[in-house]
Amino acid sequence: MKGDRVEIVIDAGNGSRVYEVTASRAGRRVEVTVGRGVVEVVEVTRGGTPVRTARFMASRVLAVVEHPAKQSVASAEELRAADAS
């Protein structure tokens, strides 16, 4: 969902660096996967097509902070109503 954001903090040897991947358009989301020594952060479309990819060595990653998009009050109420029926 537009507004999803993931911050990745990396050990750069002489300090740390912060990278950010954000869902830039409506309907896109940000997914994080960890495997085989690599942390991968991908912005994907509704259909699952990758738009942007960021890969980091897992041994250098200090933190991965996920910031989900804020839902509007109307959409949250619609979700609750759909779950109730």
C-alpha atoms as a PDB file:
ATOM      1  CA  MET A   1       0.000   0.000   0.000  1.00  0.00           C
ATOM      2  CA  LYS A   2       1.308   3.444  -0.811  1.00  0.00           C
ATOM      3  CA  GLY A   3       3.249   4.732   2.160  1.00  0.00           C
ATOM      4  CA  ASP A   4       4.684   1.379   3.263  1.00  0.00           C
ATOM      5  CA  ARG A   5       8.292   2.021   4.163  1.00  0.00           C
ATOM      6  CA  VAL A   6      11.265  -0.095   5.255  1.00  0.00           C
ATOM      7  CA  GLU A   7      14.472   1.319   6.744  1.00  0.00           C
ATOM      8  CA  ILE A   8      17.646  -0.767   6.621  1.00  0.00           C
ATOM      9  CA  VAL A   9      20.612   0.161   8.849  1.00  0.00           C
ATOM     10  CA  ILE A  10      23.958  -1.160   7.572  1.00  0.00           C
ATOM     11  CA  ASP A  11      27.386  -1.377   9.235  1.00  0.00           C
ATOM     12  CA  ALA A  12      29.641   0.570   6.838  1.00  0.00           C
ATOM     13  CA  GLY A  13      32.916  -0.069   8.683  1.00  0.00           C
ATOM     14  CA  ASN A  14      33.484   3.476   9.924  1.00  0.00           C
ATOM     15  CA  GLY A  15      29.877   4.029  11.010  1.00  0.00           C
ATOM     16  CA  SER A  16      26.424   3.101   9.858  1.00  0.00           C
ATOM     17  CA  ARG A  17      24.341   4.004   6.827  1.00  0.00           C
ATOM     18  CA  VAL A  18      20.566   4.072   6.542  1.00  0.00           C
ATOM     19  CA  TYR A  19      18.742   3.059   3.371  1.00  0.00           C
ATOM     20  CA  GLU A  20      15.010   3.417   2.814  1.00  0.00           C
ATOM     21  CA  VAL A  21      12.653   1.660   0.405  1.00  0.00           C
ATOM     22  CA  THR A  22       9.164   3.149   0.087  1.00  0.00           C
ATOM     23  CA  ALA A  23       6.071   2.024  -1.812  1.00  0.00           C
ATOM     24  CA  SER A  24       5.900   4.958  -4.207  1.00  0.00           C
ATOM     25  CA  ARG A  25       2.470   4.472  -5.792  1.00  0.00           C
ATOM     26  CA  ALA A  26      -0.982   3.299  -4.797  1.00  0.00           C
ATOM     27  CA  GLY A  27      -1.312  -0.480  -4.813  1.00  0.00           C
ATOM     28  CA  ARG A  28       2.382  -1.150  -4.296  1.00  0.00           C
ATOM     29  CA  ARG A  29       3.833  -2.769  -1.210  1.00  0.00           C
ATOM     30  CA  VAL A  30       7.263  -3.450   0.233  1.00  0.00           C
ATOM     31  CA  GLU A  31       8.327  -7.018   1.058  1.00  0.00           C
ATOM     32  CA  VAL A  32      11.349  -8.158   3.088  1.00  0.00           C
ATOM     33  CA  THR A  33      12.963 -11.587   2.723  1.00  0.00           C
ATOM     34  CA  VAL A  34      15.988 -13.048   4.479  1.00  0.00           C
ATOM     35  CA  GLY A  35      17.816 -16.067   3.185  1.00  0.00           C
ATOM     36  CA  ARG A  36      21.258 -17.492   2.365  1.00  0.00           C
ATOM     37  CA  GLY A  37      23.101 -14.588   3.935  1.00  0.00           C
ATOM     38  CA  VAL A  38      21.172 -11.891   2.043  1.00  0.00           C
ATOM     39  CA  VAL A  39      18.461  -9.465   3.162  1.00  0.00           C
ATOM     40  CA  GLU A  40      16.311  -8.435   0.201  1.00  0.00           C
ATOM     41  CA  VAL A  41      13.804  -5.565   0.237  1.00  0.00           C
ATOM     42  CA  VAL A  42      11.510  -5.382  -2.800  1.00  0.00           C
ATOM     43  CA  GLU A  43       8.842  -2.907  -3.868  1.00  0.00           C
ATOM     44  CA  VAL A  44       6.206  -4.938  -5.750  1.00  0.00           C
ATOM     45  CA  THR A  45       3.016  -4.153  -7.662  1.00  0.00           C
ATOM     46  CA  ARG A  46      -0.415  -5.609  -6.887  1.00  0.00           C
ATOM     47  CA  GLY A  47       0.323  -8.456  -9.284  1.00  0.00           C
ATOM     48  CA  GLY A  48       3.631  -9.262  -7.604  1.00  0.00           C
ATOM     49  CA  THR A  49       5.951  -7.797 -10.247  1.00  0.00           C
ATOM     50  CA  PRO A  50       9.126  -6.395  -8.645  1.00  0.00           C
ATOM     51  CA  VAL A  51       9.676  -2.684  -9.304  1.00  0.00           C
ATOM     52  CA  ARG A  52      12.767  -1.962  -7.194  1.00  0.00           C
ATOM     53  CA  THR A  53      15.060  -4.313  -5.312  1.00  0.00           C
ATOM     54  CA  ALA A  54      17.669  -3.634  -2.630  1.00  0.00           C
ATOM     55  CA  ARG A  55      19.976  -6.439  -1.457  1.00  0.00           C
ATOM     56  CA  PHE A  56      22.293  -6.379   1.543  1.00  0.00           C
ATOM     57  CA  MET A  57      24.707  -8.868   3.100  1.00  0.00           C
ATOM     58  CA  ALA A  58      22.968 -10.169   6.222  1.00  0.00           C
ATOM     59  CA  SER A  59      26.200  -9.998   8.230  1.00  0.00           C
ATOM     60  CA  ARG A  60      26.301  -6.203   7.682  1.00  0.00           C
ATOM     61  CA  VAL A  61      22.651  -5.491   8.524  1.00  0.00           C
ATOM     62  CA  LEU A  62      22.197  -3.946  11.969  1.00  0.00           C
ATOM     63  CA  ALA A  63      18.433  -3.340  11.807  1.00  0.00           C
ATOM     64  CA  VAL A  64      15.427  -3.663   9.520  1.00  0.00           C
ATOM     65  CA  VAL A  65      12.583  -1.366  10.565  1.00  0.00           C
ATOM     66  CA  GLU A  66       9.204  -1.766   8.869  1.00  0.00           C
ATOM     67  CA  HIS A  67       6.778   1.167   8.880  1.00  0.00           C
ATOM     68  CA  PRO A  68       3.355   0.074   7.590  1.00  0.00           C
ATOM     69  CA  ALA A  69       1.211   2.681   5.849  1.00  0.00           C
ATOM     70  CA  LYS A  70      -1.450   4.316   7.937  1.00  0.00           C
ATOM     71  CA  GLN A  71      -4.967   3.272   7.017  1.00  0.00           C
ATOM     72  CA  SER A  72      -7.605   5.934   6.675  1.00  0.00           C
ATOM     73  CA  VAL A  73     -10.495   5.746   9.157  1.00  0.00           C
ATOM     74  CA  ALA A  74     -12.971   4.940   6.387  1.00  0.00           C
ATOM     75  CA  SER A  75     -10.960   2.029   5.008  1.00  0.00           C
ATOM     76  CA  ALA A  76     -10.400   0.574   8.492  1.00  0.00           C
ATOM     77  CA  GLU A  77     -14.156   0.682   9.150  1.00  0.00           C
ATOM     78  CA  GLU A  78     -14.851  -0.942   5.771  1.00  0.00           C
ATOM     79  CA  LEU A  79     -12.441  -3.777   6.617  1.00  0.00           C
ATOM     80  CA  ARG A  80     -14.145  -4.369   9.974  1.00  0.00           C
ATOM     81  CA  ALA A  81     -17.569  -4.383   8.310  1.00  0.00           C
ATOM     82  CA  ALA A  82     -16.382  -6.890   5.685  1.00  0.00           C
ATOM     83  CA  ASP A  83     -14.948  -9.166   8.400  1.00  0.00           C
ATOM     84  CA  ALA A  84     -18.221  -9.048  10.343  1.00  0.00           C
ATOM     85  CA  SER A  85     -20.314 -10.275   7.395  1.00  0.00           C
END
